[in-house]
């Protein structure tokens, strides 16, 4: 699922939320997204949670990707927290290869690195990602 959050927060313009049915599946999805973003945009992004594989965060500045294990996604219910954000219909973004749910939305106008320093102070994964990129949250 891709949520357009630009009007609601400075964390990111887009939140991508997906899930896998095991830690290995979550890690594989995150790795496929990371490789695709690097290939398409030269973006490395900040990563968090890969070791555990229950919730992986990939932070590309204007695009923040959350990949959860199914039960963890239900527990945190980010979709409910961001229910005011419009959801992009699947036709508005290009499906990626290798079973990944979505890639960069086609309607995104700025390069992914344009908003790399725009992280919310109260969002721990974003704060850690900002530190990993050398930005001050």
C-alpha atoms as a PDB file:
ATOM      1  CA  UNK A   1       0.000   0.000   0.000  1.00  0.00           C
ATOM      2  CA  UNK A   2       1.271   3.483  -0.858  1.00  0.00           C
ATOM      3  CA  UNK A   3       0.003   6.462   1.141  1.00  0.00           C
ATOM      4  CA  UNK A   4       0.503  10.054   0.000  1.00  0.00           C
ATOM      5  CA  UNK A   5       1.417  11.812   3.250  1.00  0.00           C
ATOM      6  CA  UNK A   6       2.932  15.095   2.010  1.00  0.00           C
ATOM      7  CA  UNK A   7       0.002  17.209   3.238  1.00  0.00           C
ATOM      8  CA  UNK A   8       0.003  15.546   6.671  1.00  0.00           C
ATOM      9  CA  UNK A   9       3.630  15.339   7.784  1.00  0.00           C
ATOM     10  CA  UNK A  10       7.184  16.338   7.045  1.00  0.00           C
ATOM     11  CA  UNK A  11       8.406  12.756   7.612  1.00  0.00           C
ATOM     12  CA  UNK A  12       7.922  11.800   3.978  1.00  0.00           C
ATOM     13  CA  UNK A  13       5.767  12.478   0.958  1.00  0.00           C
ATOM     14  CA  UNK A  14       4.984   8.778   0.578  1.00  0.00           C
ATOM     15  CA  UNK A  15       4.739   5.891   3.029  1.00  0.00           C
ATOM     16  CA  UNK A  16       4.914   2.421   1.557  1.00  0.00           C
ATOM     17  CA  UNK A  17       3.553  -0.289   3.852  1.00  0.00           C
ATOM     18  CA  UNK A  18       3.915  -3.963   3.067  1.00  0.00           C
ATOM     19  CA  UNK A  19       4.278  -7.288   4.812  1.00  0.00           C
ATOM     20  CA  UNK A  20       5.713 -10.763   4.565  1.00  0.00           C
ATOM     21  CA  UNK A  21       4.717 -13.990   6.258  1.00  0.00           C
ATOM     22  CA  UNK A  22       8.095 -14.705   7.923  1.00  0.00           C
ATOM     23  CA  UNK A  23      11.319 -12.946   8.923  1.00  0.00           C
ATOM     24  CA  UNK A  24      13.043 -14.371   5.845  1.00  0.00           C
ATOM     25  CA  UNK A  25      10.232 -13.104   3.608  1.00  0.00           C
ATOM     26  CA  UNK A  26      10.373  -9.602   5.177  1.00  0.00           C
ATOM     27  CA  UNK A  27      14.146  -9.465   4.698  1.00  0.00           C
ATOM     28  CA  UNK A  28      13.846 -10.626   1.079  1.00  0.00           C
ATOM     29  CA  UNK A  29      11.219  -7.988   0.273  1.00  0.00           C
ATOM     30  CA  UNK A  30      13.315  -5.265   1.897  1.00  0.00           C
ATOM     31  CA  UNK A  31      16.432  -6.383   0.032  1.00  0.00           C
ATOM     32  CA  UNK A  32      14.563  -6.421  -3.305  1.00  0.00           C
ATOM     33  CA  UNK A  33      13.299  -2.874  -2.687  1.00  0.00           C
ATOM     34  CA  UNK A  34      16.769  -1.715  -1.635  1.00  0.00           C
ATOM     35  CA  UNK A  35      18.347  -3.177  -4.792  1.00  0.00           C
ATOM     36  CA  UNK A  36      15.625  -1.734  -7.021  1.00  0.00           C
ATOM     37  CA  UNK A  37      15.985   1.753  -5.522  1.00  0.00           C
ATOM     38  CA  UNK A  38      19.771   1.602  -5.859  1.00  0.00           C
ATOM     39  CA  UNK A  39      19.519   0.476  -9.477  1.00  0.00           C
ATOM     40  CA  UNK A  40      16.841   2.966 -10.492  1.00  0.00           C
ATOM     41  CA  UNK A  41      17.890   6.028  -8.515  1.00  0.00           C
ATOM     42  CA  UNK A  42      21.360   5.341  -7.118  1.00  0.00           C
ATOM     43  CA  UNK A  43      19.783   5.606  -3.679  1.00  0.00           C
ATOM     44  CA  UNK A  44      21.173   3.674  -0.770  1.00  0.00           C
ATOM     45  CA  UNK A  45      18.828   5.014   1.897  1.00  0.00           C
ATOM     46  CA  UNK A  46      18.957   4.324   5.597  1.00  0.00           C
ATOM     47  CA  UNK A  47      17.945   0.882   6.826  1.00  0.00           C
ATOM     48  CA  UNK A  48      16.787  -0.328  10.193  1.00  0.00           C
ATOM     49  CA  UNK A  49      15.453  -3.603  11.559  1.00  0.00           C
ATOM     50  CA  UNK A  50      16.982  -5.961   9.009  1.00  0.00           C
ATOM     51  CA  UNK A  51      18.651  -8.172  11.599  1.00  0.00           C
ATOM     52  CA  UNK A  52      15.379  -9.057  13.338  1.00  0.00           C
ATOM     53  CA  UNK A  53      13.264  -9.139  10.184  1.00  0.00           C
ATOM     54  CA  UNK A  54       9.974  -8.393  11.935  1.00  0.00           C
ATOM     55  CA  UNK A  55       9.818  -4.711  10.881  1.00  0.00           C
ATOM     56  CA  UNK A  56      12.267  -3.318   8.342  1.00  0.00           C
ATOM     57  CA  UNK A  57      12.352   0.406   7.673  1.00  0.00           C
ATOM     58  CA  UNK A  58      13.913   1.804   4.502  1.00  0.00           C
ATOM     59  CA  UNK A  59      14.226   5.590   4.519  1.00  0.00           C
ATOM     60  CA  UNK A  60      14.763   7.393   1.223  1.00  0.00           C
ATOM     61  CA  UNK A  61      13.846  10.860   2.464  1.00  0.00           C
ATOM     62  CA  UNK A  62      10.638  11.566   0.573  1.00  0.00           C
ATOM     63  CA  UNK A  63       9.760   7.866   0.527  1.00  0.00           C
ATOM     64  CA  UNK A  64       9.710   5.769   3.697  1.00  0.00           C
ATOM     65  CA  UNK A  65       9.097   2.042   3.348  1.00  0.00           C
ATOM     66  CA  UNK A  66       7.843  -0.152   6.205  1.00  0.00           C
ATOM     67  CA  UNK A  67       7.918  -3.919   5.667  1.00  0.00           C
ATOM     68  CA  UNK A  68       6.394  -5.931   8.518  1.00  0.00           C
ATOM     69  CA  UNK A  69       5.935  -9.570   9.360  1.00  0.00           C
ATOM     70  CA  UNK A  70       2.147 -10.090   9.042  1.00  0.00           C
ATOM     71  CA  UNK A  71       1.410 -10.271  12.780  1.00  0.00           C
ATOM     72  CA  UNK A  72       3.581  -7.239  13.532  1.00  0.00           C
ATOM     73  CA  UNK A  73       1.792  -5.231  10.840  1.00  0.00           C
ATOM     74  CA  UNK A  74      -1.546  -6.054  12.467  1.00  0.00           C
ATOM     75  CA  UNK A  75      -0.220  -5.064  15.905  1.00  0.00           C
ATOM     76  CA  UNK A  76       1.154  -1.637  14.869  1.00  0.00           C
ATOM     77  CA  UNK A  77      -1.601  -0.913  12.310  1.00  0.00           C
ATOM     78  CA  UNK A  78       0.194   2.008  10.631  1.00  0.00           C
ATOM     79  CA  UNK A  79      -2.590   2.159   8.062  1.00  0.00           C
ATOM     80  CA  UNK A  80      -4.975   3.219  10.832  1.00  0.00           C
ATOM     81  CA  UNK A  81      -2.543   5.833  12.134  1.00  0.00           C
ATOM     82  CA  UNK A  82      -2.346   7.357   8.646  1.00  0.00           C
ATOM     83  CA  UNK A  83      -6.013   6.904   7.700  1.00  0.00           C
ATOM     84  CA  UNK A  84      -6.260  10.575   6.646  1.00  0.00           C
ATOM     85  CA  UNK A  85      -3.607  10.020   3.978  1.00  0.00           C
ATOM     86  CA  UNK A  86      -4.940   9.227   0.531  1.00  0.00           C
ATOM     87  CA  UNK A  87      -3.978   5.779  -0.701  1.00  0.00           C
ATOM     88  CA  UNK A  88      -2.600   5.650  -4.210  1.00  0.00           C
ATOM     89  CA  UNK A  89      -4.496   3.205  -6.374  1.00  0.00           C
ATOM     90  CA  UNK A  90      -2.216   0.440  -7.561  1.00  0.00           C
ATOM     91  CA  UNK A  91      -2.460   1.774 -11.117  1.00  0.00           C
ATOM     92  CA  UNK A  92      -0.641   4.955  -9.979  1.00  0.00           C
ATOM     93  CA  UNK A  93       2.617   3.152  -9.241  1.00  0.00           C
ATOM     94  CA  UNK A  94       4.648   0.681 -11.183  1.00  0.00           C
ATOM     95  CA  UNK A  95       4.679  -2.822  -9.729  1.00  0.00           C
ATOM     96  CA  UNK A  96       8.267  -3.912  -9.143  1.00  0.00           C
ATOM     97  CA  UNK A  97       9.685  -7.256 -10.151  1.00  0.00           C
ATOM     98  CA  UNK A  98      10.519 -10.186  -7.858  1.00  0.00           C
ATOM     99  CA  UNK A  99       7.254 -10.015  -5.920  1.00  0.00           C
ATOM    100  CA  UNK A 100       7.826  -6.615  -4.334  1.00  0.00           C
ATOM    101  CA  UNK A 101       4.545  -4.786  -3.713  1.00  0.00           C
ATOM    102  CA  UNK A 102       5.508  -1.349  -5.046  1.00  0.00           C
ATOM    103  CA  UNK A 103       8.341   0.884  -6.121  1.00  0.00           C
ATOM    104  CA  UNK A 104       8.655   4.663  -6.303  1.00  0.00           C
ATOM    105  CA  UNK A 105       5.261   6.183  -7.147  1.00  0.00           C
ATOM    106  CA  UNK A 106       5.106   7.450 -10.734  1.00  0.00           C
ATOM    107  CA  UNK A 107       3.612  10.743  -9.569  1.00  0.00           C
ATOM    108  CA  UNK A 108       6.585  11.617  -7.318  1.00  0.00           C
ATOM    109  CA  UNK A 109       8.232  14.689  -8.780  1.00  0.00           C
ATOM    110  CA  UNK A 110      11.372  15.091  -6.658  1.00  0.00           C
ATOM    111  CA  UNK A 111      14.343  12.768  -6.513  1.00  0.00           C
ATOM    112  CA  UNK A 112      14.219  10.544  -3.454  1.00  0.00           C
ATOM    113  CA  UNK A 113      17.196  12.300  -1.864  1.00  0.00           C
ATOM    114  CA  UNK A 114      15.532  15.750  -1.993  1.00  0.00           C
ATOM    115  CA  UNK A 115      13.950  15.429   1.437  1.00  0.00           C
ATOM    116  CA  UNK A 116      16.574  13.298   3.156  1.00  0.00           C
ATOM    117  CA  UNK A 117      16.818  15.592   6.172  1.00  0.00           C
ATOM    118  CA  UNK A 118      13.052  15.877   6.788  1.00  0.00           C
ATOM    119  CA  UNK A 119      12.520  13.427   9.644  1.00  0.00           C
ATOM    120  CA  UNK A 120      10.062  13.627  12.516  1.00  0.00           C
ATOM    121  CA  UNK A 121      11.555  13.984  15.945  1.00  0.00           C
ATOM    122  CA  UNK A 122       8.986  11.679  17.542  1.00  0.00           C
ATOM    123  CA  UNK A 123       9.321   8.774  15.104  1.00  0.00           C
ATOM    124  CA  UNK A 124      12.096   6.478  16.424  1.00  0.00           C
ATOM    125  CA  UNK A 125      12.851   4.605  13.160  1.00  0.00           C
ATOM    126  CA  UNK A 126      13.018   7.880  11.219  1.00  0.00           C
ATOM    127  CA  UNK A 127      15.179   9.447  13.929  1.00  0.00           C
ATOM    128  CA  UNK A 128      17.620   6.528  13.768  1.00  0.00           C
ATOM    129  CA  UNK A 129      17.587   6.656   9.983  1.00  0.00           C
ATOM    130  CA  UNK A 130      18.366  10.368  10.082  1.00  0.00           C
ATOM    131  CA  UNK A 131      21.326   9.701  12.379  1.00  0.00           C
ATOM    132  CA  UNK A 132      22.570   6.991  10.023  1.00  0.00           C
ATOM    133  CA  UNK A 133      22.506   9.535   7.179  1.00  0.00           C
ATOM    134  CA  UNK A 134      24.248  12.158   9.296  1.00  0.00           C
ATOM    135  CA  UNK A 135      21.162  14.407   9.492  1.00  0.00           C
ATOM    136  CA  UNK A 136      19.886  15.918  12.706  1.00  0.00           C
ATOM    137  CA  UNK A 137      16.261  14.906  13.362  1.00  0.00           C
END
